[in-house]
Amino acid sequence: MMKNKFRGVDVVTKKYVYGKSSNLFGLPTIEIANGHVLVKEGTIAQKVGVDKNGREVYEGDKVKNPVDGTTFKAAMNHINTIKAYELCRDKI
């Protein structure tokens, strides 16, 4: 079974931070080893799985079917099939 992992955009560095989703004093945060990081509202996404190349895929990431080229946004209902697809670098 996959461990729940989340990411969100740090309000200070504007980069993704990874860990456990939490809420501190009513604010969205990601819990990391040495504390909590305040993240931008609406950027927290749960890990769906890994793509066919082993890269982590999170909810909302754009993934592509390598056979027919169709793309879609990853969601938790894709958890068992995501490893057949490729993570795309561009956004939907």
C-alpha atoms as a PDB file:
ATOM      1  CA  MET A   1       0.000   0.000   0.000  1.00  0.00           C
ATOM      2  CA  MET A   2       1.225   3.462  -0.931  1.00  0.00           C
ATOM      3  CA  LYS A   3       1.980   5.894   1.912  1.00  0.00           C
ATOM      4  CA  ASN A   4       0.008   9.152   1.681  1.00  0.00           C
ATOM      5  CA  LYS A   5       2.318  11.883   0.421  1.00  0.00           C
ATOM      6  CA  PHE A   6       1.407  15.449  -0.443  1.00  0.00           C
ATOM      7  CA  ARG A   7       3.004  18.497  -2.021  1.00  0.00           C
ATOM      8  CA  GLY A   8       2.258  22.194  -1.950  1.00  0.00           C
ATOM      9  CA  VAL A   9       3.902  25.431  -3.072  1.00  0.00           C
ATOM     10  CA  ASP A  10       5.889  27.139  -0.297  1.00  0.00           C
ATOM     11  CA  VAL A  11       4.687  30.752   0.055  1.00  0.00           C
ATOM     12  CA  VAL A  12       8.259  31.983   0.607  1.00  0.00           C
ATOM     13  CA  THR A  13      10.391  30.027  -1.879  1.00  0.00           C
ATOM     14  CA  LYS A  14       7.592  29.407  -4.436  1.00  0.00           C
ATOM     15  CA  LYS A  15       8.907  25.827  -4.779  1.00  0.00           C
ATOM     16  CA  TYR A  16       7.172  22.551  -4.051  1.00  0.00           C
ATOM     17  CA  VAL A  17       7.610  21.036  -0.599  1.00  0.00           C
ATOM     18  CA  TYR A  18       6.709  17.417   0.097  1.00  0.00           C
ATOM     19  CA  GLY A  19       5.342  15.736   3.201  1.00  0.00           C
ATOM     20  CA  LYS A  20       2.112  15.294   5.117  1.00  0.00           C
ATOM     21  CA  SER A  21      -0.823  17.638   4.536  1.00  0.00           C
ATOM     22  CA  SER A  22      -1.767  19.565   7.649  1.00  0.00           C
ATOM     23  CA  ASN A  23      -3.575  22.650   8.830  1.00  0.00           C
ATOM     24  CA  LEU A  24      -1.882  24.859  11.389  1.00  0.00           C
ATOM     25  CA  PHE A  25      -3.904  27.685  12.950  1.00  0.00           C
ATOM     26  CA  GLY A  26      -6.360  27.442  10.054  1.00  0.00           C
ATOM     27  CA  LEU A  27      -3.640  27.831   7.413  1.00  0.00           C
ATOM     28  CA  PRO A  28      -2.674  25.174   4.819  1.00  0.00           C
ATOM     29  CA  THR A  29       0.713  23.644   5.608  1.00  0.00           C
ATOM     30  CA  ILE A  30       2.893  20.689   4.685  1.00  0.00           C
ATOM     31  CA  GLU A  31       4.425  18.889   7.638  1.00  0.00           C
ATOM     32  CA  ILE A  32       8.082  18.062   7.033  1.00  0.00           C
ATOM     33  CA  ALA A  33      10.730  16.439   9.241  1.00  0.00           C
ATOM     34  CA  ASN A  34      11.624  19.622  11.132  1.00  0.00           C
ATOM     35  CA  GLY A  35       8.268  21.434  11.292  1.00  0.00           C
ATOM     36  CA  HIS A  36       5.538  22.908   9.109  1.00  0.00           C
ATOM     37  CA  VAL A  37       5.817  24.920   5.898  1.00  0.00           C
ATOM     38  CA  LEU A  38       3.073  27.391   5.001  1.00  0.00           C
ATOM     39  CA  VAL A  39       1.880  26.677   1.466  1.00  0.00           C
ATOM     40  CA  LYS A  40      -0.129  28.666  -1.058  1.00  0.00           C
ATOM     41  CA  GLU A  41      -3.882  28.102  -0.784  1.00  0.00           C
ATOM     42  CA  GLY A  42      -5.141  25.552  -3.332  1.00  0.00           C
ATOM     43  CA  THR A  43      -1.749  24.023  -4.167  1.00  0.00           C
ATOM     44  CA  ILE A  44      -1.868  20.938  -1.937  1.00  0.00           C
ATOM     45  CA  ALA A  45      -2.130  17.743  -3.994  1.00  0.00           C
ATOM     46  CA  GLN A  46      -1.916  14.074  -3.025  1.00  0.00           C
ATOM     47  CA  LYS A  47       0.444  11.621  -4.699  1.00  0.00           C
ATOM     48  CA  VAL A  48      -1.444   9.378  -7.131  1.00  0.00           C
ATOM     49  CA  GLY A  49       1.459   7.040  -7.938  1.00  0.00           C
ATOM     50  CA  VAL A  50       4.448   6.880 -10.254  1.00  0.00           C
ATOM     51  CA  ASP A  51       4.469   7.019 -14.036  1.00  0.00           C
ATOM     52  CA  LYS A  52       6.052   4.425 -16.331  1.00  0.00           C
ATOM     53  CA  ASN A  53       9.441   6.134 -15.845  1.00  0.00           C
ATOM     54  CA  GLY A  54       9.239   6.063 -12.040  1.00  0.00           C
ATOM     55  CA  ARG A  55       8.450   9.785 -11.593  1.00  0.00           C
ATOM     56  CA  GLU A  56       5.944  10.722  -8.896  1.00  0.00           C
ATOM     57  CA  VAL A  57       2.537  11.875 -10.162  1.00  0.00           C
ATOM     58  CA  TYR A  58       0.245  14.100  -8.077  1.00  0.00           C
ATOM     59  CA  GLU A  59      -3.409  15.056  -8.440  1.00  0.00           C
ATOM     60  CA  GLY A  60      -3.770  17.610 -11.224  1.00  0.00           C
ATOM     61  CA  ASP A  61      -0.529  16.687 -13.013  1.00  0.00           C
ATOM     62  CA  LYS A  62      -0.838  16.285 -16.761  1.00  0.00           C
ATOM     63  CA  VAL A  63      -0.147  12.731 -17.925  1.00  0.00           C
ATOM     64  CA  LYS A  64       0.023  11.310 -21.442  1.00  0.00           C
ATOM     65  CA  ASN A  65      -0.866   7.943 -22.904  1.00  0.00           C
ATOM     66  CA  PRO A  66       2.313   6.995 -24.837  1.00  0.00           C
ATOM     67  CA  VAL A  67       0.312   4.857 -27.297  1.00  0.00           C
ATOM     68  CA  ASP A  68      -2.235   7.361 -28.628  1.00  0.00           C
ATOM     69  CA  GLY A  69      -0.935  10.666 -27.208  1.00  0.00           C
ATOM     70  CA  THR A  70      -4.101  11.550 -25.302  1.00  0.00           C
ATOM     71  CA  THR A  71      -3.597  13.620 -22.150  1.00  0.00           C
ATOM     72  CA  PHE A  72      -5.573  14.066 -18.936  1.00  0.00           C
ATOM     73  CA  LYS A  73      -5.221  15.414 -15.413  1.00  0.00           C
ATOM     74  CA  ALA A  74      -4.256  12.765 -12.874  1.00  0.00           C
ATOM     75  CA  ALA A  75      -6.775  12.035 -10.118  1.00  0.00           C
ATOM     76  CA  MET A  76      -7.000   9.578  -7.239  1.00  0.00           C
ATOM     77  CA  ASN A  77      -9.227   7.258  -9.314  1.00  0.00           C
ATOM     78  CA  HIS A  78      -6.209   6.679 -11.615  1.00  0.00           C
ATOM     79  CA  ILE A  79      -4.120   5.222  -8.787  1.00  0.00           C
ATOM     80  CA  ASN A  80      -4.010   1.703 -10.279  1.00  0.00           C
ATOM     81  CA  THR A  81      -3.420   2.684 -13.914  1.00  0.00           C
ATOM     82  CA  ILE A  82      -1.080   5.695 -13.748  1.00  0.00           C
ATOM     83  CA  LYS A  83       2.088   3.614 -14.164  1.00  0.00           C
ATOM     84  CA  ALA A  84       1.168   2.951 -17.817  1.00  0.00           C
ATOM     85  CA  TYR A  85       1.333   6.681 -18.622  1.00  0.00           C
ATOM     86  CA  GLU A  86       3.997   9.372 -18.826  1.00  0.00           C
ATOM     87  CA  LEU A  87       4.163  12.571 -16.783  1.00  0.00           C
ATOM     88  CA  CYS A  88       4.093  15.640 -19.065  1.00  0.00           C
ATOM     89  CA  ARG A  89       6.239  18.677 -18.431  1.00  0.00           C
ATOM     90  CA  ASP A  90       3.643  21.205 -19.621  1.00  0.00           C
ATOM     91  CA  LYS A  91       0.423  22.140 -17.813  1.00  0.00           C
ATOM     92  CA  ILE A  92      -3.122  21.523 -18.977  1.00  0.00           C
END
